[in-house]
Structure formats: C-alpha cells, structure tokens
PDB file of N, CA and C in Angstrom:
ATOM      1  N   MET A   1     182.653 108.139 101.071  1.00  0.00           N
ATOM      2  CA  MET A   1     183.081 106.537 101.672  1.00  0.00           C
ATOM      3  C   MET A   1     184.872 106.636 101.703  1.00  0.00           C
ATOM      4  N   SER A   2     184.752 105.662 102.633  1.00  0.00           N
ATOM      5  CA  SER A   2     186.300 105.912 102.991  1.00  0.00           C
ATOM      6  C   SER A   2     186.959 104.769 102.009  1.00  0.00           C
ATOM      7  N   LYS A   3     188.759 104.913 101.883  1.00  0.00           N
ATOM      8  CA  LYS A   3     189.352 104.244 100.943  1.00  0.00           C
ATOM      9  C   LYS A   3     189.718 102.672 101.367  1.00  0.00           C
ATOM     10  N   THR A   4     189.445 102.105 100.110  1.00  0.00           N
ATOM     11  CA  THR A   4     189.337 100.904 100.633  1.00  0.00           C
ATOM     12  C   THR A   4     190.980 100.175 100.763  1.00  0.00           C
ATOM     13  N   PHE A   5     191.416  99.272 101.020  1.00  0.00           N
ATOM     14  CA  PHE A   5     192.832  98.500 101.128  1.00  0.00           C
ATOM     15  C   PHE A   5     192.838  97.523 100.284  1.00  0.00           C
ATOM     16  N   ARG A   6     193.905  96.935  99.873  1.00  0.00           N
ATOM     17  CA  ARG A   6     194.273  95.451  99.344  1.00  0.00           C
ATOM     18  C   ARG A   6     194.083  94.113 100.712  1.00  0.00           C
ATOM     19  N   PRO A   7     193.490  93.423 100.443  1.00  0.00           N
ATOM     20  CA  PRO A   7     193.737  92.706 101.550  1.00  0.00           C
ATOM     21  C   PRO A   7     194.771  92.256 102.535  1.00  0.00           C
ATOM     22  N   TRP A   8     194.614  92.437 103.586  1.00  0.00           N
ATOM     23  CA  TRP A   8     195.984  91.921 104.577  1.00  0.00           C
ATOM     24  C   TRP A   8     195.581  91.010 105.667  1.00  0.00           C
ATOM     25  N   ASP A   9     195.631  89.878 105.602  1.00  0.00           N
ATOM     26  CA  ASP A   9     195.059  88.995 106.711  1.00  0.00           C
ATOM     27  C   ASP A   9     196.146  87.876 106.931  1.00  0.00           C
ATOM     28  N   VAL A  10     197.291  88.276 108.071  1.00  0.00           N
ATOM     29  CA  VAL A  10     198.158  87.593 108.370  1.00  0.00           C
ATOM     30  C   VAL A  10     197.874  86.379 109.330  1.00  0.00           C
ATOM     31  N   ASP A  11     196.532  85.640 109.525  1.00  0.00           N
ATOM     32  CA  ASP A  11     196.011  84.758 109.862  1.00  0.00           C
ATOM     33  C   ASP A  11     195.362  83.966 108.956  1.00  0.00           C
ATOM     34  N   GLN A  12     195.420  84.479 107.421  1.00  0.00           N
ATOM     35  CA  GLN A  12     194.799  83.419 106.653  1.00  0.00           C
ATOM     36  C   GLN A  12     195.393  82.142 106.572  1.00  0.00           C
ATOM     37  N   VAL A  13     194.309  81.323 106.609  1.00  0.00           N
ATOM     38  CA  VAL A  13     195.008  79.670 106.094  1.00  0.00           C
ATOM     39  C   VAL A  13     195.326  79.463 104.917  1.00  0.00           C
ATOM     40  N   TRP A  14     196.384  78.790 104.393  1.00  0.00           N
ATOM     41  CA  TRP A  14     196.745  78.348 103.268  1.00  0.00           C
ATOM     42  C   TRP A  14     196.712  76.972 102.587  1.00  0.00           C
ATOM     43  N   LEU A  15     196.217  76.630 101.695  1.00  0.00           N
ATOM     44  CA  LEU A  15     196.485  75.132 101.338  1.00  0.00           C
ATOM     45  C   LEU A  15     197.500  74.506 101.744  1.00  0.00           C
ATOM     46  N   LEU A  16     198.889  74.675 101.220  1.00  0.00           N
ATOM     47  CA  LEU A  16     200.500  74.393 101.704  1.00  0.00           C
ATOM     48  C   LEU A  16     201.200  75.665 101.571  1.00  0.00           C
ATOM     49  N   PRO A  17     201.559  75.970 103.004  1.00  0.00           N
ATOM     50  CA  PRO A  17     201.420  75.294 104.352  1.00  0.00           C
ATOM     51  C   PRO A  17     200.023  76.125 104.867  1.00  0.00           C
ATOM     52  N   PRO A  18     199.631  75.195 105.954  1.00  0.00           N
ATOM     53  CA  PRO A  18     198.055  75.485 106.574  1.00  0.00           C
ATOM     54  C   PRO A  18     198.222  77.291 106.741  1.00  0.00           C
ATOM     55  N   SER A  19     198.736  77.476 107.535  1.00  0.00           N
ATOM     56  CA  SER A  19     199.157  79.003 107.622  1.00  0.00           C
ATOM     57  C   SER A  19     200.347  79.743 107.511  1.00  0.00           C
ATOM     58  N   ILE A  20     200.151  80.993 107.603  1.00  0.00           N
ATOM     59  CA  ILE A  20     201.281  81.697 106.945  1.00  0.00           C
ATOM     60  C   ILE A  20     202.462  81.871 108.286  1.00  0.00           C
ATOM     61  N   GLN A  21     201.531  81.822 109.306  1.00  0.00           N
ATOM     62  CA  GLN A  21     202.634  81.433 110.603  1.00  0.00           C
ATOM     63  C   GLN A  21     203.667  80.124 110.739  1.00  0.00           C
ATOM     64  N   ASP A  22     203.336  78.865 109.855  1.00  0.00           N
ATOM     65  CA  ASP A  22     204.086  77.969 109.547  1.00  0.00           C
ATOM     66  C   ASP A  22     205.343  78.398 109.102  1.00  0.00           C
ATOM     67  N   LEU A  23     205.479  79.361 108.135  1.00  0.00           N
ATOM     68  CA  LEU A  23     206.310  79.685 107.491  1.00  0.00           C
ATOM     69  C   LEU A  23     207.507  80.819 107.965  1.00  0.00           C
ATOM     70  N   VAL A  24     207.153  81.377 109.115  1.00  0.00           N
ATOM     71  CA  VAL A  24     208.363  81.607 110.111  1.00  0.00           C
ATOM     72  C   VAL A  24     208.271  81.068 111.532  1.00  0.00           C
ATOM     73  N   PRO A  25     209.632  80.822 111.863  1.00  0.00           N
ATOM     74  CA  PRO A  25     209.568  79.536 113.251  1.00  0.00           C
ATOM     75  C   PRO A  25     209.161  80.869 114.577  1.00  0.00           C
ATOM     76  N   SER A  26     208.709  80.079 115.297  1.00  0.00           N
ATOM     77  CA  SER A  26     208.303  80.890 116.630  1.00  0.00           C
ATOM     78  C   SER A  26     209.590  81.622 117.489  1.00  0.00           C
ATOM     79  N   GLY A  27     209.555  82.418 117.758  1.00  0.00           N
ATOM     80  CA  GLY A  27     210.247  83.126 118.647  1.00  0.00           C
ATOM     81  C   GLY A  27     211.206  84.088 117.459  1.00  0.00           C
ATOM     82  N   HIS A  28     210.589  84.028 116.615  1.00  0.00           N
ATOM     83  CA  HIS A  28     211.528  85.283 115.132  1.00  0.00           C
ATOM     84  C   HIS A  28     210.766  86.233 115.173  1.00  0.00           C
ATOM     85  N   VAL A  29     211.668  87.325 115.112  1.00  0.00           N
ATOM     86  CA  VAL A  29     211.885  88.651 115.520  1.00  0.00           C
ATOM     87  C   VAL A  29     210.456  89.317 114.671  1.00  0.00           C
ATOM     88  N   ALA A  30     210.139  88.695 113.475  1.00  0.00           N
ATOM     89  CA  ALA A  30     208.969  88.880 112.586  1.00  0.00           C
ATOM     90  C   ALA A  30     207.579  88.946 113.408  1.00  0.00           C
ATOM     91  N   HIS A  31     207.445  88.001 114.410  1.00  0.00           N
ATOM     92  CA  HIS A  31     206.309  87.551 115.230  1.00  0.00           C
ATOM     93  C   HIS A  31     206.079  89.291 116.051  1.00  0.00           C
ATOM     94  N   PHE A  32     207.149  89.480 116.517  1.00  0.00           N
ATOM     95  CA  PHE A  32     207.429  90.800 117.573  1.00  0.00           C
ATOM     96  C   PHE A  32     206.980  91.789 116.876  1.00  0.00           C
ATOM     97  N   VAL A  33     207.454  92.324 115.727  1.00  0.00           N
ATOM     98  CA  VAL A  33     207.279  93.169 114.727  1.00  0.00           C
ATOM     99  C   VAL A  33     205.381  93.446 114.513  1.00  0.00           C
ATOM    100  N   ARG A  34     205.245  92.444 113.954  1.00  0.00           N
ATOM    101  CA  ARG A  34     203.927  91.994 114.001  1.00  0.00           C
ATOM    102  C   ARG A  34     202.677  92.310 114.690  1.00  0.00           C
ATOM    103  N   ASP A  35     203.273  91.682 115.843  1.00  0.00           N
ATOM    104  CA  ASP A  35     202.100  92.012 117.167  1.00  0.00           C
ATOM    105  C   ASP A  35     202.374  93.305 117.633  1.00  0.00           C
ATOM    106  N   THR A  36     203.529  93.884 117.586  1.00  0.00           N
ATOM    107  CA  THR A  36     203.599  95.378 117.781  1.00  0.00           C
ATOM    108  C   THR A  36     202.882  96.433 117.038  1.00  0.00           C
ATOM    109  N   VAL A  37     202.956  96.205 115.731  1.00  0.00           N
ATOM    110  CA  VAL A  37     202.039  96.769 114.482  1.00  0.00           C
ATOM    111  C   VAL A  37     200.597  96.808 114.930  1.00  0.00           C
ATOM    112  N   ARG A  38     200.413  95.531 114.987  1.00  0.00           N
ATOM    113  CA  ARG A  38     198.918  95.426 115.375  1.00  0.00           C
ATOM    114  C   ARG A  38     198.211  95.967 116.594  1.00  0.00           C
ATOM    115  N   THR A  39     198.989  95.695 117.790  1.00  0.00           N
ATOM    116  CA  THR A  39     198.253  96.027 118.975  1.00  0.00           C
ATOM    117  C   THR A  39     198.777  97.260 119.811  1.00  0.00           C
ATOM    118  N   GLY A  40     200.371  97.361 119.319  1.00  0.00           N
ATOM    119  CA  GLY A  40     200.865  98.413 119.929  1.00  0.00           C
ATOM    120  C   GLY A  40     200.830  99.929 119.544  1.00  0.00           C
ATOM    121  N   LEU A  41     200.979 100.076 117.960  1.00  0.00           N
ATOM    122  CA  LEU A  41     200.976 101.071 117.423  1.00  0.00           C
ATOM    123  C   LEU A  41     199.449 101.581 116.841  1.00  0.00           C
ATOM    124  N   ASP A  42     199.223 103.192 117.103  1.00  0.00           N
ATOM    125  CA  ASP A  42     198.193 103.860 116.617  1.00  0.00           C
ATOM    126  C   ASP A  42     198.652 104.597 115.421  1.00  0.00           C
ATOM    127  N   LEU A  43     197.829 103.906 114.245  1.00  0.00           N
ATOM    128  CA  LEU A  43     198.080 104.107 112.790  1.00  0.00           C
ATOM    129  C   LEU A  43     196.984 104.977 112.336  1.00  0.00           C
ATOM    130  N   SER A  44     196.147 105.341 113.599  1.00  0.00           N
ATOM    131  CA  SER A  44     195.076 106.238 112.913  1.00  0.00           C
ATOM    132  C   SER A  44     195.658 107.653 112.102  1.00  0.00           C
ATOM    133  N   ALA A  45     196.589 108.183 112.487  1.00  0.00           N
ATOM    134  CA  ALA A  45     197.046 109.484 111.622  1.00  0.00           C
ATOM    135  C   ALA A  45     197.207 108.911 110.062  1.00  0.00           C
ATOM    136  N   ILE A  46     197.711 107.917 109.885  1.00  0.00           N
ATOM    137  CA  ILE A  46     198.146 107.666 108.564  1.00  0.00           C
ATOM    138  C   ILE A  46     196.529 106.646 107.766  1.00  0.00           C
ATOM    139  N   MET A  47     196.009 106.249 108.639  1.00  0.00           N
ATOM    140  CA  MET A  47     194.912 105.834 108.020  1.00  0.00           C
ATOM    141  C   MET A  47     193.821 106.942 107.294  1.00  0.00           C
ATOM    142  N   ASP A  48     193.822 107.773 108.488  1.00  0.00           N
ATOM    143  CA  ASP A  48     192.920 108.730 108.259  1.00  0.00           C
ATOM    144  C   ASP A  48     193.107 109.778 106.776  1.00  0.00           C
ATOM    145  N   VAL A  49     194.313 109.507 106.125  1.00  0.00           N
ATOM    146  CA  VAL A  49     194.819 110.455 105.167  1.00  0.00           C
ATOM    147  C   VAL A  49     194.406 109.791 103.559  1.00  0.00           C
ATOM    148  N   TYR A  50     193.829 108.357 104.107  1.00  0.00           N
ATOM    149  CA  TYR A  50     193.451 107.571 102.598  1.00  0.00           C
ATOM    150  C   TYR A  50     191.522 107.977 102.545  1.00  0.00           C
ATOM    151  N   ASP A  51     191.544 108.512 101.659  1.00  0.00           N
ATOM    152  CA  ASP A  51     189.973 108.971 101.648  1.00  0.00           C
ATOM    153  C   ASP A  51     189.571 109.053 100.011  1.00  0.00           C
ATOM    154  N   GLU A  52     190.538 108.676  99.245  1.00  0.00           N
ATOM    155  CA  GLU A  52     190.292 108.539  97.937  1.00  0.00           C
ATOM    156  C   GLU A  52     189.663 107.545  97.503  1.00  0.00           C
ATOM    157  N   GLU A  53     188.655 107.007  96.731  1.00  0.00           N
ATOM    158  CA  GLU A  53     188.278 106.011  96.379  1.00  0.00           C
ATOM    159  C   GLU A  53     188.168 105.258  94.762  1.00  0.00           C
ATOM    160  N   ARG A  54     189.194 106.488  94.024  1.00  0.00           N
ATOM    161  CA  ARG A  54     189.498 105.836  92.693  1.00  0.00           C
ATOM    162  C   ARG A  54     191.121 104.981  92.742  1.00  0.00           C
ATOM    163  N   GLY A  55     190.964 104.617  91.736  1.00  0.00           N
ATOM    164  CA  GLY A  55     192.274 103.999  91.741  1.00  0.00           C
ATOM    165  C   GLY A  55     192.355 102.440  92.493  1.00  0.00           C
ATOM    166  N   PHE A  56     193.629 101.619  91.948  1.00  0.00           N
ATOM    167  CA  PHE A  56     193.465 100.335  93.030  1.00  0.00           C
ATOM    168  C   PHE A  56     194.061 100.637  94.002  1.00  0.00           C
ATOM    169  N   PRO A  57     193.219  99.364  95.240  1.00  0.00           N
ATOM    170  CA  PRO A  57     193.349  99.847  96.584  1.00  0.00           C
ATOM    171  C   PRO A  57     195.086  99.724  96.374  1.00  0.00           C
ATOM    172  N   PRO A  58     195.174 100.447  97.944  1.00  0.00           N
ATOM    173  CA  PRO A  58     196.606 100.826  98.190  1.00  0.00           C
ATOM    174  C   PRO A  58     196.871  99.656  99.170  1.00  0.00           C
ATOM    175  N   TYR A  59     198.160  99.130  99.606  1.00  0.00           N
ATOM    176  CA  TYR A  59     198.619  98.093 100.433  1.00  0.00           C
ATOM    177  C   TYR A  59     198.245  98.574 102.079  1.00  0.00           C
ATOM    178  N   HIS A  60     197.716  97.744 102.565  1.00  0.00           N
ATOM    179  CA  HIS A  60     197.512  98.287 104.351  1.00  0.00           C
ATOM    180  C   HIS A  60     198.544  98.944 104.509  1.00  0.00           C
ATOM    181  N   PRO A  61     198.700  99.997 105.856  1.00  0.00           N
ATOM    182  CA  PRO A  61     199.384 100.886 106.299  1.00  0.00           C
ATOM    183  C   PRO A  61     200.101  99.907 107.555  1.00  0.00           C
ATOM    184  N   GLY A  62     199.531  98.776 108.200  1.00  0.00           N
ATOM    185  CA  GLY A  62     199.749  98.089 108.902  1.00  0.00           C
ATOM    186  C   GLY A  62     200.866  97.735 108.682  1.00  0.00           C
ATOM    187  N   MET A  63     200.643  96.615 107.165  1.00  0.00           N
ATOM    188  CA  MET A  63     201.795  95.782 106.506  1.00  0.00           C
ATOM    189  C   MET A  63     203.072  96.541 106.349  1.00  0.00           C
ATOM    190  N   MET A  64     202.434  97.529 105.399  1.00  0.00           N
ATOM    191  CA  MET A  64     203.618  98.686 105.237  1.00  0.00           C
ATOM    192  C   MET A  64     204.859  99.182 106.175  1.00  0.00           C
ATOM    193  N   VAL A  65     204.180  99.280 107.404  1.00  0.00           N
ATOM    194  CA  VAL A  65     204.743  99.877 108.523  1.00  0.00           C
ATOM    195  C   VAL A  65     205.439  98.097 109.367  1.00  0.00           C
ATOM    196  N   GLY A  66     205.085  97.406 109.437  1.00  0.00           N
ATOM    197  CA  GLY A  66     205.859  96.234 109.715  1.00  0.00           C
ATOM    198  C   GLY A  66     206.567  95.940 108.943  1.00  0.00           C
ATOM    199  N   LEU A  67     206.702  96.156 107.600  1.00  0.00           N
ATOM    200  CA  LEU A  67     207.775  95.663 106.883  1.00  0.00           C
ATOM    201  C   LEU A  67     208.703  96.983 107.029  1.00  0.00           C
ATOM    202  N   LEU A  68     208.490  98.008 107.203  1.00  0.00           N
ATOM    203  CA  LEU A  68     209.835  98.752 107.459  1.00  0.00           C
ATOM    204  C   LEU A  68     210.361  98.460 108.454  1.00  0.00           C
ATOM    205  N   LEU A  69     209.480  98.395 109.635  1.00  0.00           N
ATOM    206  CA  LEU A  69     210.257  98.026 110.683  1.00  0.00           C
ATOM    207  C   LEU A  69     210.858  96.682 110.650  1.00  0.00           C
ATOM    208  N   TYR A  70     210.662  95.509 110.305  1.00  0.00           N
ATOM    209  CA  TYR A  70     211.240  94.493 110.049  1.00  0.00           C
ATOM    210  C   TYR A  70     212.141  94.845 109.486  1.00  0.00           C
ATOM    211  N   ALA A  71     212.568  95.326 108.114  1.00  0.00           N
ATOM    212  CA  ALA A  71     213.535  95.903 107.413  1.00  0.00           C
ATOM    213  C   ALA A  71     214.466  96.490 108.657  1.00  0.00           C
ATOM    214  N   TYR A  72     214.210  97.536 108.970  1.00  0.00           N
ATOM    215  CA  TYR A  72     214.974  98.630 109.766  1.00  0.00           C
ATOM    216  C   TYR A  72     215.427  97.631 110.946  1.00  0.00           C
ATOM    217  N   SER A  73     215.045  96.352 111.266  1.00  0.00           N
ATOM    218  CA  SER A  73     215.256  95.819 112.456  1.00  0.00           C
ATOM    219  C   SER A  73     216.579  94.588 112.111  1.00  0.00           C
ATOM    220  N   GLN A  74     216.882  94.262 110.727  1.00  0.00           N
ATOM    221  CA  GLN A  74     217.436  93.871 110.004  1.00  0.00           C
ATOM    222  C   GLN A  74     218.996  94.286 109.297  1.00  0.00           C
ATOM    223  N   GLY A  75     218.917  95.622 109.640  1.00  0.00           N
ATOM    224  CA  GLY A  75     219.863  96.150 109.555  1.00  0.00           C
ATOM    225  C   GLY A  75     219.791  96.954 107.582  1.00  0.00           C
ATOM    226  N   VAL A  76     218.430  96.807 106.862  1.00  0.00           N
ATOM    227  CA  VAL A  76     218.557  96.834 105.662  1.00  0.00           C
ATOM    228  C   VAL A  76     217.516  98.444 105.507  1.00  0.00           C
ATOM    229  N   TYR A  77     217.917  99.303 104.777  1.00  0.00           N
ATOM    230  CA  TYR A  77     217.500 100.717 104.919  1.00  0.00           C
ATOM    231  C   TYR A  77     216.990 101.198 103.537  1.00  0.00           C
ATOM    232  N   SER A  78     217.595 100.683 102.452  1.00  0.00           N
ATOM    233  CA  SER A  78     217.214 100.970 101.280  1.00  0.00           C
ATOM    234  C   SER A  78     215.934 100.443 100.892  1.00  0.00           C
ATOM    235  N   SER A  79     214.954 101.305 100.032  1.00  0.00           N
ATOM    236  CA  SER A  79     213.818 100.850  99.499  1.00  0.00           C
ATOM    237  C   SER A  79     214.244  99.826  99.065  1.00  0.00           C
ATOM    238  N   ARG A  80     214.812  99.707  98.076  1.00  0.00           N
ATOM    239  CA  ARG A  80     215.577  98.985  96.304  1.00  0.00           C
ATOM    240  C   ARG A  80     215.277  97.642  97.303  1.00  0.00           C
ATOM    241  N   LYS A  81     216.261  97.369  98.170  1.00  0.00           N
ATOM    242  CA  LYS A  81     216.575  96.617  99.050  1.00  0.00           C
ATOM    243  C   LYS A  81     215.753  95.617  99.735  1.00  0.00           C
ATOM    244  N   ILE A  82     214.864  96.886 100.051  1.00  0.00           N
ATOM    245  CA  ILE A  82     213.397  96.067 100.764  1.00  0.00           C
ATOM    246  C   ILE A  82     212.362  95.494 100.048  1.00  0.00           C
ATOM    247  N   ALA A  83     212.172  96.438  98.668  1.00  0.00           N
ATOM    248  CA  ALA A  83     211.256  95.818  97.734  1.00  0.00           C
ATOM    249  C   ALA A  83     211.980  94.386  97.302  1.00  0.00           C
ATOM    250  N   ARG A  84     213.010  94.389  97.157  1.00  0.00           N
ATOM    251  CA  ARG A  84     213.761  92.841  96.550  1.00  0.00           C
ATOM    252  C   ARG A  84     213.742  91.669  97.531  1.00  0.00           C
ATOM    253  N   ALA A  85     213.690  92.091  98.971  1.00  0.00           N
ATOM    254  CA  ALA A  85     213.827  91.490 100.054  1.00  0.00           C
ATOM    255  C   ALA A  85     211.999  90.843 100.037  1.00  0.00           C
ATOM    256  N   ALA A  86     211.258  91.859 100.038  1.00  0.00           N
ATOM    257  CA  ALA A  86     209.912  91.105 100.067  1.00  0.00           C
ATOM    258  C   ALA A  86     209.239  90.732  98.856  1.00  0.00           C
ATOM    259  N   ARG A  87     209.998  90.188  97.670  1.00  0.00           N
ATOM    260  CA  ARG A  87     209.768  89.638  96.990  1.00  0.00           C
ATOM    261  C   ARG A  87     210.127  88.194  97.013  1.00  0.00           C
ATOM    262  N   SER A  88     211.140  88.188  97.896  1.00  0.00           N
ATOM    263  CA  SER A  88     211.978  86.433  98.021  1.00  0.00           C
ATOM    264  C   SER A  88     211.566  86.134  99.320  1.00  0.00           C
ATOM    265  N   ASP A  89     211.989  85.265  99.719  1.00  0.00           N
ATOM    266  CA  ASP A  89     211.728  84.230 100.892  1.00  0.00           C
ATOM    267  C   ASP A  89     212.974  84.972 102.203  1.00  0.00           C
ATOM    268  N   TRP A  90     212.686  86.031 102.411  1.00  0.00           N
ATOM    269  CA  TRP A  90     214.135  86.902 102.954  1.00  0.00           C
ATOM    270  C   TRP A  90     213.879  86.257 104.564  1.00  0.00           C
ATOM    271  N   ILE A  91     212.446  85.860 105.149  1.00  0.00           N
ATOM    272  CA  ILE A  91     212.396  85.664 106.527  1.00  0.00           C
ATOM    273  C   ILE A  91     213.215  84.545 106.890  1.00  0.00           C
ATOM    274  N   LEU A  92     212.745  83.736 106.009  1.00  0.00           N
ATOM    275  CA  LEU A  92     213.485  82.199 106.120  1.00  0.00           C
ATOM    276  C   LEU A  92     214.786  82.017 105.954  1.00  0.00           C
ATOM    277  N   ARG A  93     215.539  82.847 105.489  1.00  0.00           N
ATOM    278  CA  ARG A  93     216.839  83.018 104.845  1.00  0.00           C
ATOM    279  C   ARG A  93     217.785  83.356 106.292  1.00  0.00           C
ATOM    280  N   ARG A  94     216.994  84.176 107.167  1.00  0.00           N
ATOM    281  CA  ARG A  94     217.766  85.034 108.146  1.00  0.00           C
ATOM    282  C   ARG A  94     217.769  83.910 109.605  1.00  0.00           C
TER     283      ARG A  94
END
C-alpha cells in the first residue's frame, strides 16, 4: 500500500472566510505558483519515493514545492525564514 499524506485541499471551504482563495487577492503571484504546481509540474518522481506506511503522514509534496517556489519568488531562501513565514500571514503582508 502506498504512503498517505496529510490532507491538502486548496479548494477547502472554511466557515470564515468562505474560501481560502478569499485570503489571497486575485492576480497575486501565489495563485500562479499554485496553478503551476497543480497542473504544470510532474511530481511523480517525488510521489513515487513515498511508500512507507509507518509514522505520521507527511505534508503533500505539491504543497511543499509550492511553498518553496513561492518563497523563492519572494527572495526568501533560508529554510528557517520560510518556516517562520509559513506560520504567519505572510501572503497578506506582501
């Protein structure tokens, strides 16, 4: 059986705000990065490595690649700065 990942649904509906897309203004580079990762990149080489069933589910590779590409597009290359920014309202402050 293949490895399962933590849930990642960018179209998830929230109580407030109604959609995660409402947090990010239209035309923002984050939408471009998300769409590129979801439709333009072949992540099968990364996905095929995950075959271990034990342990807590890892984050989805698409989400991690998207986060990395967005951080790089904003000039942030330090993994610690990326982790700090991911825990804050980084996109809304840009």
